[in-house]
Protein backbone atom coordinates (compact mmCIF):
# COMPACT_ATOMS: atom_id res chain seq x y z
CA MET A 1 0.00 0.00 0.00
CA GLU A 2 2.84 2.36 0.86
CA LYS A 3 4.49 1.67 -2.49
CA VAL A 4 1.21 2.33 -4.33
CA SER A 5 0.71 5.60 -2.44
CA ALA A 6 4.26 6.66 -3.20
CA LEU A 7 3.78 5.89 -6.88
CA ARG A 8 0.62 7.95 -6.94
CA LEU A 9 2.38 10.87 -5.33
CA VAL A 10 5.23 10.68 -7.79
CA SER A 11 2.97 10.28 -10.79
CA GLY A 12 0.82 13.21 -9.64
CA ALA A 13 3.75 15.55 -9.04
CA PRO A 14 4.33 16.61 -12.67
CA SER A 15 0.68 17.56 -13.16
CA THR A 16 0.68 19.54 -9.93
CA GLN A 17 3.88 21.27 -10.97
CA ALA A 18 2.48 21.97 -14.42
CA SER A 19 -0.61 23.57 -12.86
CA THR A 20 1.58 25.80 -10.70
CA VAL A 21 3.68 26.84 -13.69
CA TYR A 22 0.50 27.37 -15.72
CA ASP A 23 -0.91 29.74 -13.09
CA ARG A 24 2.31 31.74 -12.85
CA LEU A 25 2.82 31.93 -16.60
CA ARG A 26 -0.80 32.91 -17.15
CA GLU A 27 -0.51 35.77 -14.66
CA ASP A 28 2.66 37.04 -16.33
CA LEU A 29 1.01 36.85 -19.76
CA LEU A 30 -2.14 38.64 -18.65
CA SER A 31 -0.24 41.36 -16.78
CA GLY A 32 2.01 42.08 -19.75
CA ARG A 33 5.22 41.13 -17.94
CA LEU A 34 5.77 38.76 -20.85
CA GLU A 35 5.08 41.12 -23.72
CA PRO A 36 3.11 40.19 -26.87
CA GLY A 37 5.18 38.61 -29.64
CA ARG A 38 8.05 37.60 -27.36
CA LYS A 39 9.65 34.22 -27.95
CA LEU A 40 9.32 31.99 -24.89
CA GLN A 41 12.73 30.34 -24.74
CA MET A 42 12.72 27.15 -22.72
CA ARG A 43 15.96 27.83 -20.86
CA PHE A 44 14.74 31.28 -19.82
CA LEU A 45 11.41 29.88 -18.62
CA THR A 46 12.88 26.92 -16.73
CA ASP A 47 15.18 29.33 -14.88
CA LEU A 48 12.43 31.88 -14.27
CA TYR A 49 9.90 29.39 -12.90
CA GLN A 50 12.38 26.91 -11.45
CA THR A 51 10.82 23.95 -13.20
CA GLY A 52 11.63 21.20 -15.70
CA GLN A 53 10.79 21.13 -19.37
CA THR A 54 8.00 18.52 -19.09
CA PRO A 55 5.67 20.50 -16.78
CA LEU A 56 6.63 23.69 -18.63
CA ARG A 57 5.59 22.24 -22.01
CA GLU A 58 2.33 21.00 -20.50
CA ALA A 59 1.62 24.49 -19.18
CA LEU A 60 2.51 26.09 -22.53
CA ASN A 61 0.22 23.70 -24.40
CA ARG A 62 -2.65 24.63 -22.07
CA LEU A 63 -1.96 28.32 -22.59
CA THR A 64 -1.90 27.75 -26.35
CA ALA A 65 -5.40 26.28 -26.08
CA ASP A 66 -6.40 29.38 -24.06
CA GLY A 67 -5.20 31.64 -26.89
CA LEU A 68 -2.51 33.32 -24.78
CA VAL A 69 0.46 31.51 -26.35
CA GLU A 70 1.20 30.60 -29.97
CA GLY A 71 2.97 27.37 -30.89
CA ARG A 72 4.88 27.70 -34.16
CA GLU A 73 6.06 24.56 -35.91
CA GLN A 74 9.83 24.07 -35.60
CA ARG A 75 10.12 27.49 -33.93
CA GLY A 76 8.80 26.97 -30.42
CA PHE A 77 6.37 29.03 -28.36
CA TYR A 78 5.64 32.77 -28.49
CA VAL A 79 3.46 35.11 -26.47
CA ALA A 80 0.32 35.61 -28.55
CA ALA A 81 0.57 38.73 -30.66
CA ILE A 82 -1.98 41.55 -30.50
CA SER A 83 -3.76 43.37 -33.30
CA ARG A 84 -6.56 45.85 -33.80
CA SER A 85 -8.54 43.29 -35.80
CA GLU A 86 -8.29 40.70 -33.03
CA LEU A 87 -9.31 43.26 -30.39
CA ALA A 88 -12.38 44.21 -32.42
CA GLU A 89 -13.28 40.56 -33.04
CA LEU A 90 -12.83 39.52 -29.40
CA THR A 91 -14.94 42.44 -28.22
CA LYS A 92 -17.72 41.66 -30.69
CA THR A 93 -17.71 37.99 -29.71
CA ARG A 94 -17.73 38.80 -26.00
CA CYS A 95 -20.69 41.11 -26.49
CA TRP A 96 -22.56 38.36 -28.34
CA VAL A 97 -21.97 35.55 -25.87
CA GLU A 98 -22.34 37.58 -22.69
CA SER A 99 -25.55 39.11 -23.98
CA LEU A 100 -26.92 35.59 -24.35
CA ALA A 101 -25.60 34.55 -20.94
CA LEU A 102 -27.04 37.64 -19.25
CA ARG A 103 -30.48 37.12 -20.82
CA GLU A 104 -30.47 33.49 -19.68
CA SER A 105 -29.40 34.50 -16.17
CA MET A 106 -32.19 37.04 -15.96
CA ALA A 107 -34.76 34.58 -17.32
CA ALA A 108 -33.82 32.16 -14.54
CA SER A 109 -33.52 34.88 -11.90
CA THR A 110 -33.77 33.88 -8.23
CA PRO A 111 -33.56 35.97 -5.04
CA GLN A 112 -30.28 34.20 -4.24
CA TRP A 113 -28.73 35.22 -7.57
CA GLU A 114 -29.89 38.81 -7.17
CA GLU A 115 -28.37 38.91 -3.69
CA GLN A 116 -25.08 37.59 -5.05
CA LEU A 117 -25.09 40.27 -7.76
CA LEU A 118 -25.86 43.02 -5.24
CA LEU A 119 -23.05 41.83 -3.03
CA ALA A 120 -20.58 41.63 -5.92
CA GLN A 121 -21.45 45.16 -7.06
CA HIS A 122 -21.30 46.51 -3.51
CA ARG A 123 -17.85 45.07 -2.91
CA LEU A 124 -16.60 46.41 -6.23
CA SER A 125 -17.98 49.90 -5.57
CA ARG A 126 -16.16 50.06 -2.23
CA SER A 127 -12.79 49.16 -3.71
CA PRO A 128 -10.73 52.04 -5.16
CA ARG A 129 -9.74 51.66 -8.79
CA SER A 130 -6.37 53.25 -8.09
CA LEU A 131 -4.24 52.82 -4.98
CA ASN A 132 -2.93 56.36 -5.42
CA ALA A 133 -5.29 59.35 -5.52
CA GLU A 134 -2.71 61.54 -7.27
CA GLN A 135 -1.71 59.23 -10.10
CA PHE A 136 -2.95 55.90 -11.35
CA GLU A 137 -1.65 52.88 -9.48
CA ASP A 138 -3.38 49.64 -10.33
CA ASN A 139 -5.32 47.96 -7.54
CA PRO A 140 -5.18 44.15 -7.88
CA GLU A 141 -8.11 43.76 -5.48
CA TRP A 142 -10.30 45.92 -7.73
CA GLU A 143 -9.39 43.70 -10.67
CA ARG A 144 -10.38 40.60 -8.71
CA LEU A 145 -13.70 42.13 -7.65
CA HIS A 146 -14.31 43.44 -11.16
CA ARG A 147 -13.99 39.93 -12.56
CA ALA A 148 -16.29 38.62 -9.81
CA TYR A 149 -18.93 41.23 -10.66
CA HIS A 150 -18.99 40.37 -14.36
CA ARG A 151 -19.02 36.67 -13.60
CA ALA A 152 -21.97 37.19 -11.24
CA LEU A 153 -23.94 38.85 -14.03
CA ILE A 154 -23.82 35.73 -16.18
CA GLY A 155 -23.39 33.13 -13.44
CA ASN A 156 -27.07 32.16 -13.39
CA CYS A 157 -27.26 31.26 -17.10
CA GLY A 158 -27.23 27.51 -16.45
CA SER A 159 -24.29 26.68 -18.72
CA GLN A 160 -20.82 26.14 -17.28
CA SER A 161 -19.44 25.81 -20.80
CA LEU A 162 -20.77 29.24 -21.73
CA ILE A 163 -19.40 30.76 -18.52
CA ALA A 164 -15.99 29.20 -19.19
CA PHE A 165 -15.93 30.56 -22.75
CA CYS A 166 -16.85 34.02 -21.46
CA GLY A 167 -13.98 33.74 -18.99
CA GLN A 168 -11.54 32.84 -21.76
CA LEU A 169 -12.62 35.87 -23.80
CA ALA A 170 -12.27 38.07 -20.72
CA ASP A 171 -8.69 36.84 -20.24
CA GLN A 172 -7.74 37.57 -23.83
CA LEU A 173 -9.24 41.05 -23.66
CA TYR A 174 -7.64 41.72 -20.28
CA ARG A 175 -4.23 41.59 -21.98
CA TYR A 176 -5.27 44.50 -24.17
CA ARG A 177 -6.81 46.47 -21.33
CA ARG A 178 -3.66 46.10 -19.23
CA LEU A 179 -1.61 47.73 -21.99
CA SER A 180 -3.66 50.92 -21.92
CA ILE A 181 -5.28 50.86 -18.51
CA ARG A 182 -4.22 54.37 -17.47
CA LYS A 183 -5.80 55.92 -20.52
CA VAL A 184 -9.09 54.07 -20.03
CA PHE A 185 -9.12 54.89 -16.32
CA SER A 186 -8.93 58.64 -16.89
CA SER A 187 -11.72 58.74 -19.46
CA ARG A 188 -14.45 56.65 -17.84
CA GLN A 189 -16.90 56.63 -14.95
CA VAL A 190 -16.83 52.85 -14.83
CA ALA A 191 -18.49 52.61 -11.41
CA ASP A 192 -21.58 54.37 -12.78
CA GLU A 193 -21.71 51.93 -15.70
CA HIS A 194 -21.55 48.94 -13.35
CA GLN A 195 -24.34 50.40 -11.21
CA ALA A 196 -26.53 51.09 -14.25
CA ILE A 197 -26.16 47.53 -15.55
CA MET A 198 -27.10 46.10 -12.18
CA ASP A 199 -30.11 48.45 -11.84
CA ALA A 200 -31.41 47.30 -15.23
CA VAL A 201 -30.95 43.64 -14.22
CA LEU A 202 -32.83 44.11 -10.96
CA SER A 203 -35.57 46.01 -12.82
CA LYS A 204 -36.04 42.92 -15.05
CA ASP A 205 -35.30 44.99 -18.17
CA ALA A 206 -33.23 42.53 -20.20
CA ASP A 207 -33.01 44.71 -23.31
CA ALA A 208 -31.63 47.65 -21.33
CA ALA A 209 -29.23 45.46 -19.35
CA VAL A 210 -27.84 43.87 -22.51
CA ALA A 211 -27.52 47.24 -24.25
CA MET A 212 -25.63 48.68 -21.28
CA LEU A 213 -23.32 45.68 -20.98
CA THR A 214 -22.54 45.83 -24.71
CA ALA A 215 -21.86 49.57 -24.52
CA HIS A 216 -19.65 48.99 -21.47
CA TYR A 217 -17.37 46.61 -23.37
CA SER A 218 -17.51 48.61 -26.61
CA ARG A 219 -16.36 51.83 -24.92
CA THR A 220 -13.25 50.11 -23.63
CA ALA A 221 -12.48 48.71 -27.07
CA GLU A 222 -12.99 52.09 -28.76
CA VAL A 223 -10.40 53.73 -26.51
CA LEU A 224 -7.90 50.92 -27.00
CA LEU A 225 -8.38 50.80 -30.78
CA GLN A 226 -7.23 54.44 -30.99
CA ASP A 227 -4.21 54.01 -28.73
CA ARG A 228 -1.07 54.72 -30.74
CA GLN A 229 1.21 53.30 -28.07
CA ILE A 230 -0.40 49.88 -28.39
CA PHE A 231 -0.81 50.05 -32.16
CA PRO A 232 2.14 51.90 -33.75
CA GLU A 233 0.56 51.51 -37.19
CA LEU A 234 -1.86 54.31 -36.22
CA ARG A 235 1.10 56.59 -35.59
CA ASP A 236 2.79 55.54 -38.81
CA GLY A 237 -0.39 56.15 -40.78
CA ALA A 238 -0.75 59.63 -39.32
CA ASP A 239 2.85 60.41 -40.15
CA ARG A 240 2.34 59.36 -43.76
CA GLY A 241 -0.81 61.47 -43.93
């Protein structure tokens, strides 16, 4: 029995290690610490995450399936590139699928779900977006509560597959938002938008709630799509003009 248990522990270790590496790599990809287009050299990654190549490759394959890493034949792994066309497509798709999920959540509304949504919005509203009142300093707790709020909106839709797909789209779009977060922060009253969406949900007005959620995501995309720091081709085009 002891030998069997030991074998199980040993056989389970790589998967556990791969999950840990996956979580750390995913955070670094989403935060922008590993910048878009960068080649992910195995030696650099094994040193950075203090792991072997087997769990690292497993983690990279999972991140490739998530759309955060690109595997290129005979060339290895790269951080997924960014583009204006992808940003527009991801935003459009997120609006489509979350509109469906929100309508389904509202159709199946329960007092418990409404209480969860109220609590999520309340917690988010009490968390400062910036840790510094004088200049923008990202607040990780706000980001966590922000994700919880948006997940609560669609969490009653009855489809874990749909919720998971929405989460994957949110991750891919988060990479873009992180690159231009200061600009978006200064130009939006995001707290008012969150409150308005929740008010429409609690008023049972699905059309208004969906319209507000779609506008909420579209405003972020519009700001990012015009950001010349993220997309140098805008700057180059202006120079040629």
